[in-house]
Protein backbone atom coordinates (compact mmCIF):
# COMPACT_ATOMS: atom_id res chain seq x y z
CA MET A 1 115.27 104.61 89.09
CA ARG A 2 112.20 103.42 87.53
CA LEU A 3 108.64 102.98 88.45
CA GLU A 4 106.14 100.81 87.57
CA GLY A 5 102.47 98.48 87.84
CA VAL A 6 101.09 98.99 91.52
CA LEU A 7 102.87 101.07 93.90
CA PHE A 8 102.67 99.64 97.74
CA PHE A 9 103.41 101.91 100.57
CA PRO A 10 103.38 99.72 103.82
CA VAL A 11 102.16 100.19 107.19
CA THR A 12 104.64 101.11 109.62
CA PRO A 13 103.79 98.34 112.02
CA PHE A 14 103.90 98.85 116.09
CA ASP A 15 105.00 96.43 118.03
CA ALA A 16 102.32 95.95 121.99
CA ALA A 17 104.19 98.00 123.55
CA GLY A 18 104.00 100.92 121.13
CA GLU A 19 107.30 100.13 119.82
CA LEU A 20 108.41 99.97 115.78
CA ALA A 21 108.37 96.06 115.13
CA GLU A 22 111.73 95.63 112.26
CA ALA A 23 110.73 92.50 112.21
CA VAL A 24 107.25 92.48 110.88
CA LEU A 25 108.06 95.16 108.67
CA ALA A 26 110.60 93.14 106.74
CA ARG A 27 108.03 90.37 106.08
CA HIS A 28 105.13 92.61 105.10
CA VAL A 29 107.33 94.24 102.77
CA ALA A 30 108.69 91.05 101.84
CA ASP A 31 105.41 89.79 100.95
CA GLY A 32 103.97 92.69 98.94
CA VAL A 33 107.28 92.79 96.66
CA ALA A 34 106.77 89.30 96.48
CA ALA A 35 103.34 90.07 95.18
CA GLY A 36 104.07 92.12 92.71
CA ALA A 37 104.51 95.87 93.66
CA GLY A 38 106.47 97.70 91.54
CA GLY A 39 107.87 99.90 94.36
CA VAL A 40 107.98 100.37 97.91
CA PHE A 41 107.01 104.15 99.80
CA THR A 42 108.02 103.27 102.89
CA ALA A 43 107.65 105.76 105.86
CA CYS A 44 105.70 107.92 103.56
CA GLY A 45 101.53 109.09 104.69
CA THR A 46 99.89 105.15 105.07
CA GLY A 47 103.45 104.16 106.68
CA GLU A 48 102.68 107.39 109.08
CA PHE A 49 105.20 109.46 108.48
CA ASN A 50 104.48 111.89 110.47
CA ALA A 51 104.35 109.95 114.24
CA LEU A 52 107.69 108.62 113.77
CA ASP A 53 110.63 110.07 115.61
CA PRO A 54 113.92 109.95 113.61
CA GLY A 55 115.54 106.97 114.99
CA GLU A 56 112.58 105.22 114.02
CA TYR A 57 112.49 106.38 110.49
CA GLY A 58 115.63 105.72 109.66
CA ARG A 59 115.06 102.03 111.08
CA ALA A 60 112.18 101.73 108.60
CA VAL A 61 113.96 102.41 106.35
CA ALA A 62 116.99 100.33 106.10
CA THR A 63 114.26 97.30 106.84
CA ALA A 64 112.27 98.00 104.13
CA VAL A 65 115.21 98.22 101.69
CA THR A 66 116.66 95.16 102.80
CA ALA A 67 113.52 93.24 102.32
CA ALA A 68 113.29 94.62 98.69
CA ALA A 69 116.41 92.89 98.39
CA GLY A 70 117.30 95.04 95.09
CA ARG A 71 114.81 93.99 93.52
CA VAL A 72 112.41 97.39 93.45
CA PRO A 73 112.75 100.69 94.31
CA VAL A 74 112.51 101.40 97.86
CA LEU A 75 111.40 105.36 98.12
CA GLY A 76 111.65 106.85 101.52
CA GLY A 77 109.08 109.57 102.29
CA ALA A 78 110.06 113.50 104.13
CA GLY A 79 108.38 116.74 104.93
CA GLY A 80 107.54 118.67 107.55
CA THR A 81 110.06 121.66 108.61
CA LEU A 82 112.62 122.45 106.14
CA PRO A 83 115.39 121.58 108.43
CA ALA A 84 113.23 117.94 109.43
CA ALA A 85 112.92 117.66 105.99
CA ARG A 86 116.55 118.18 105.03
CA ALA A 87 118.08 115.32 108.12
CA LEU A 88 115.23 112.71 106.84
CA ALA A 89 116.82 113.26 103.13
CA ARG A 90 120.05 112.40 104.47
CA GLU A 91 118.45 109.78 106.74
CA ALA A 92 116.84 108.20 103.89
CA ALA A 93 120.24 108.46 101.34
CA ALA A 94 122.46 107.02 104.14
CA ARG A 95 120.21 103.79 104.43
CA GLY A 96 120.31 102.90 101.31
CA ALA A 97 117.07 104.21 99.36
CA ASP A 98 116.35 104.66 95.87
CA GLY A 99 114.64 107.43 96.68
CA LEU A 100 112.67 110.05 98.42
CA LEU A 101 108.47 111.26 98.42
CA LEU A 102 108.39 114.58 99.67
CA MET A 103 105.44 115.29 101.44
CA PRO A 104 104.66 119.41 102.20
CA PRO A 105 106.08 121.56 104.97
CA TYR A 106 104.55 121.53 107.22
CA LEU A 107 101.82 123.99 108.79
CA VAL A 108 102.42 126.87 106.64
CA ASN A 109 101.05 127.82 103.06
CA ALA A 110 103.40 128.92 101.09
CA PRO A 111 103.90 130.69 97.35
CA ALA A 112 104.79 129.10 94.61
CA ALA A 113 108.46 130.60 94.64
CA GLY A 114 108.70 129.58 98.94
CA LEU A 115 107.41 125.11 97.51
CA VAL A 116 110.78 125.66 94.92
CA ARG A 117 113.01 126.80 97.18
CA TYR A 118 111.71 124.07 99.68
CA VAL A 119 112.05 121.00 97.12
CA ARG A 120 115.44 121.98 95.74
CA ASP A 121 116.96 122.84 99.37
CA VAL A 122 115.62 119.10 100.46
CA ALA A 123 117.04 117.15 96.87
CA ASP A 124 120.41 118.94 97.32
CA ALA A 125 120.41 118.00 101.46
CA GLY A 126 119.87 114.31 100.18
CA GLY A 127 121.17 113.94 96.81
CA LEU A 128 118.13 110.82 95.88
CA PRO A 129 115.97 111.06 93.34
CA VAL A 130 113.30 113.43 94.43
CA ILE A 131 108.96 112.89 94.03
CA ILE A 132 106.72 116.40 95.10
CA TYR A 133 104.15 115.20 96.61
CA GLN A 134 101.09 118.01 95.92
CA ARG A 135 98.03 117.98 98.46
CA GLY A 136 96.65 120.56 100.32
CA ASN A 137 99.51 123.64 101.46
CA ALA A 138 101.54 122.30 99.26
CA ARG A 139 99.87 123.45 95.48
CA PHE A 140 102.15 124.12 92.93
CA THR A 141 101.94 126.13 89.78
CA PRO A 142 102.44 124.70 86.03
CA GLU A 143 105.42 127.26 85.76
CA ALA A 144 107.10 126.00 89.53
CA VAL A 145 105.97 122.57 88.68
CA ALA A 146 108.23 123.09 84.81
CA GLU A 147 110.88 125.28 86.75
CA LEU A 148 111.87 121.87 88.72
CA ALA A 149 112.04 119.19 86.54
CA ARG A 150 114.80 120.87 85.36
CA THR A 151 116.55 119.91 88.61
CA PRO A 152 118.23 116.27 87.37
CA ASN A 153 116.96 114.42 90.66
CA ILE A 154 113.34 115.77 90.92
CA VAL A 155 112.33 113.27 88.73
CA GLY A 156 108.35 113.31 89.88
CA PHE A 157 104.88 115.03 90.51
CA LYS A 158 102.29 113.18 92.43
CA ASP A 159 98.85 114.98 92.72
CA GLY A 160 97.29 114.52 96.27
CA LEU A 161 94.77 117.38 95.42
CA GLY A 162 92.68 116.00 92.59
CA ASP A 163 91.95 119.83 90.93
CA LEU A 164 92.35 118.24 87.17
CA ASP A 165 92.24 121.23 85.48
CA LEU A 166 95.36 122.13 87.30
CA LEU A 167 96.97 118.53 86.93
CA GLN A 168 96.37 118.65 82.78
CA ARG A 169 98.14 122.28 82.98
CA ILE A 170 101.19 120.48 84.93
CA ILE A 171 102.10 117.89 82.64
CA LEU A 172 101.14 120.00 79.04
CA ARG A 173 103.41 122.72 80.96
CA VAL A 174 106.05 120.40 82.10
CA ARG A 175 106.05 118.16 78.30
CA GLU A 176 105.79 120.97 76.95
CA ALA A 177 109.67 122.12 78.16
CA GLY A 178 110.85 118.83 77.22
CA HIS A 179 110.75 116.89 80.30
CA GLU A 180 109.10 114.15 78.88
CA ASP A 181 110.75 111.48 81.23
CA PHE A 182 109.09 113.44 83.67
CA THR A 183 107.04 111.01 85.97
CA PHE A 184 102.49 112.00 87.43
CA PHE A 185 101.51 110.02 89.39
CA ASN A 186 97.89 109.42 91.01
CA GLY A 187 98.36 110.21 94.65
CA LEU A 188 94.43 110.71 95.83
CA PRO A 189 93.60 108.28 99.04
CA THR A 190 92.28 105.09 97.05
CA ALA A 191 94.24 106.35 94.54
CA GLU A 192 92.26 103.81 92.43
CA PHE A 193 89.09 105.08 92.26
CA THR A 194 89.59 107.83 90.84
CA MET A 195 92.58 106.24 87.94
CA PRO A 196 89.88 106.02 85.13
CA ALA A 197 89.61 110.18 85.20
CA TYR A 198 93.60 110.00 85.50
CA ARG A 199 94.20 108.17 82.71
CA GLY A 200 92.43 110.60 79.99
CA LEU A 201 95.58 113.01 81.28
CA GLY A 202 98.16 110.32 80.12
CA VAL A 203 98.87 109.45 83.91
CA THR A 204 98.92 105.78 84.35
CA LEU A 205 100.72 105.25 88.04
CA TYR A 206 98.86 105.64 91.20
CA SER A 207 99.44 104.37 94.94
CA SER A 208 97.55 101.69 96.08
CA ALA A 209 97.42 102.23 99.41
CA VAL A 210 94.71 98.96 99.23
CA PHE A 211 97.71 96.85 97.77
CA ALA A 212 98.96 96.53 100.98
CA PHE A 213 96.80 94.20 102.57
CA ALA A 214 94.58 93.04 100.10
CA PRO A 215 97.28 92.89 96.56
CA GLU A 216 94.78 90.38 95.06
CA ILE A 217 92.01 93.31 94.46
CA ALA A 218 95.11 96.04 93.71
CA ILE A 219 96.47 93.82 91.11
CA ALA A 220 93.52 92.26 88.82
CA PHE A 221 92.19 96.17 89.01
CA HIS A 222 95.62 97.66 87.71
CA ARG A 223 95.95 94.95 84.95
CA ALA A 224 91.63 95.24 84.70
CA LEU A 225 92.77 98.85 83.50
CA THR A 226 95.78 98.58 81.44
CA GLU A 227 94.04 95.48 79.32
CA GLY A 228 91.15 97.65 78.92
CA ASP A 229 88.53 95.25 81.47
CA GLU A 230 86.34 97.78 81.26
CA GLY A 231 83.35 95.04 83.27
CA LEU A 232 85.86 93.89 85.43
CA VAL A 233 86.94 97.52 86.53
CA ARG A 234 83.41 98.87 87.05
CA ARG A 235 82.61 95.87 89.24
CA LEU A 236 86.04 96.28 91.56
CA LEU A 237 84.80 100.11 90.95
CA THR A 238 81.39 99.01 92.41
CA GLY A 239 81.61 96.23 94.59
CA PHE A 240 84.24 97.38 96.47
CA TYR A 241 86.05 100.20 95.66
CA LEU A 242 83.28 102.39 96.16
CA PRO A 243 81.59 101.37 99.42
CA LEU A 244 85.66 101.09 101.10
CA VAL A 245 85.48 105.06 100.25
CA GLU A 246 82.40 105.68 101.71
CA LEU A 247 84.13 103.11 104.87
CA ARG A 248 87.59 105.47 104.72
CA ASP A 249 85.08 108.94 104.38
CA LEU A 250 83.04 108.35 107.72
CA VAL A 251 86.08 109.52 109.94
CA PRO A 252 88.97 111.54 109.48
CA GLY A 253 91.93 109.10 109.43
CA TYR A 254 90.44 105.85 108.00
CA ALA A 255 92.35 106.46 104.89
CA VAL A 256 95.51 105.20 107.20
CA SER A 257 93.71 102.88 109.76
CA LEU A 258 91.38 101.49 107.83
CA VAL A 259 94.44 100.11 105.74
CA LYS A 260 96.45 98.89 108.46
CA ALA A 261 93.57 97.35 110.41
CA GLY A 262 93.10 95.48 107.42
CA VAL A 263 96.40 94.33 107.33
CA ARG A 264 95.78 92.91 111.03
CA LEU A 265 92.51 91.41 108.89
CA ARG A 266 94.54 89.58 106.66
CA GLY A 267 96.74 88.13 109.38
CA LEU A 268 99.63 90.14 109.92
CA GLU A 269 100.10 92.21 113.82
CA VAL A 270 100.71 95.12 112.92
CA GLY A 271 99.41 96.82 115.96
CA GLY A 272 97.17 99.81 115.74
CA VAL A 273 98.10 103.44 114.81
CA ARG A 274 99.06 106.47 116.57
CA ALA A 275 97.66 110.00 117.63
CA PRO A 276 96.00 112.15 116.31
CA LEU A 277 95.18 109.04 113.99
CA VAL A 278 92.46 106.88 115.99
CA ASP A 279 92.15 102.63 115.08
CA PRO A 280 88.52 102.17 113.37
CA SER A 281 85.81 100.77 115.55
CA VAL A 282 84.41 97.57 116.18
CA GLU A 283 81.47 97.90 113.57
CA HIS A 284 83.23 99.71 110.70
CA VAL A 285 85.93 96.87 111.27
CA GLY A 286 83.98 94.42 110.48
CA ARG A 287 82.19 96.31 107.87
CA LEU A 288 85.76 96.32 106.24
CA GLU A 289 86.05 92.75 106.97
CA ARG A 290 82.91 91.88 104.55
CA ILE A 291 83.65 94.55 101.82
CA LEU A 292 86.82 92.98 101.77
CA ALA A 293 85.57 89.83 101.24
CA ALA A 294 83.47 91.22 98.38
CA GLY A 295 86.46 92.15 97.17
CA LEU A 296 88.00 89.02 96.88
CA ARG A 297 85.01 87.10 95.41
CA ILE A 298 85.07 89.80 92.52
CA ALA A 299 88.67 89.98 92.43
CA THR A 300 89.42 86.04 91.95
CA ALA A 301 85.84 85.22 89.78
């Protein structure tokens, strides 16, 4: 499984009755792949993984796999309690996913040895390539990641913590152990905002929530970043990503619900978010619309 370019984290659409809208998800994924996504991560954080029941999860993964049609890898999310995470890993494999993004265990804080057991148990259950997601209550030591990297189907590490000192230590320890193909990427919310710093560590991959509603901006930023167009990077960071981050930080959960509102602004009716998240206020949607318009002007100038 090879990941490159802009990584797409689709939202999970719900219809007027609050049920999974599979046809809308299929269009969302197909449009994203056509726009240039390098991989599809369905039913993950932006896709409200935490709010889906097992049946919805399986249908969402199957829909994304069908819509991507083999053009790019499709990964499903998993996490939470160990039995649930193992069940989702098996379901993702049965539905044709190419890999798994493994999010933190439910609620508890655990030592490194316990996290290693958790990751290995879930990886064994599904047999899929697994990317570890570090954030919040799942903080890995360099030694733990180097140990996990020895497992053939544990292939990458997504950092959602933002501790660059720790991440540098992890990268060095994994590379020192000879795992040159082990993949690292930036998984912070609105990851583009911190990519100049992550690239300093040699981390070039990142998850793009913006791609879900503004692929033109996400692709323009990625191109500018990889081609060294510092002027365009700065203009996009200043004129689009900074006000987006400032709006995102006003309300907990806006990292997801603003993305979903953005998809609606672009004309795809994906419904609102499920509890415990809340949809943005009318005022905040108006701000998002202005921020989006400014970003599109910069990206297409």
